[in-house]
Amino acid sequence: MSKKAVNKKEIAPEIYDVIESPLVTEKSQLAGEQNKVTFRVSPFANKEKVKQAVESVFGVSVVKVNIVVTKGKSKVFRGRPGKRKDVKKAIVTLAAGQSIDIASAV
């Protein structure tokens, strides 16, 4: 596990707006065995912004980023029709030999 020394003063504040939270599910934990980490990201984020954010915040090198948008379901809230919000997820593939410890990094 190699990590670069990341100085938090050098990271632009906009970078922290891209990654909202890590996504911890059974499927994302199984993908972790293939050196992949899943994050919930901003609806306005693109692959380049996600790659830059992960590399600068966690100090790892990113090989590939896949973006998935899950559309919100139509539901009934207290008798009124409503809609859950859309969720954008980023599946980030890290370089071989690198990892992110989600529990201690966030």
Foldseek 3Di string as FASTA:
>chain_A
DDADDADPVPDDPVLVQFFDAWDDDPVQVVCVVVQKTKTWTDPPDDFVSPQVSCCRLGRFHWDGKDKDKAFWDWDADPNHIDTDHIIIMIITHTDPPDHDDRVPSD
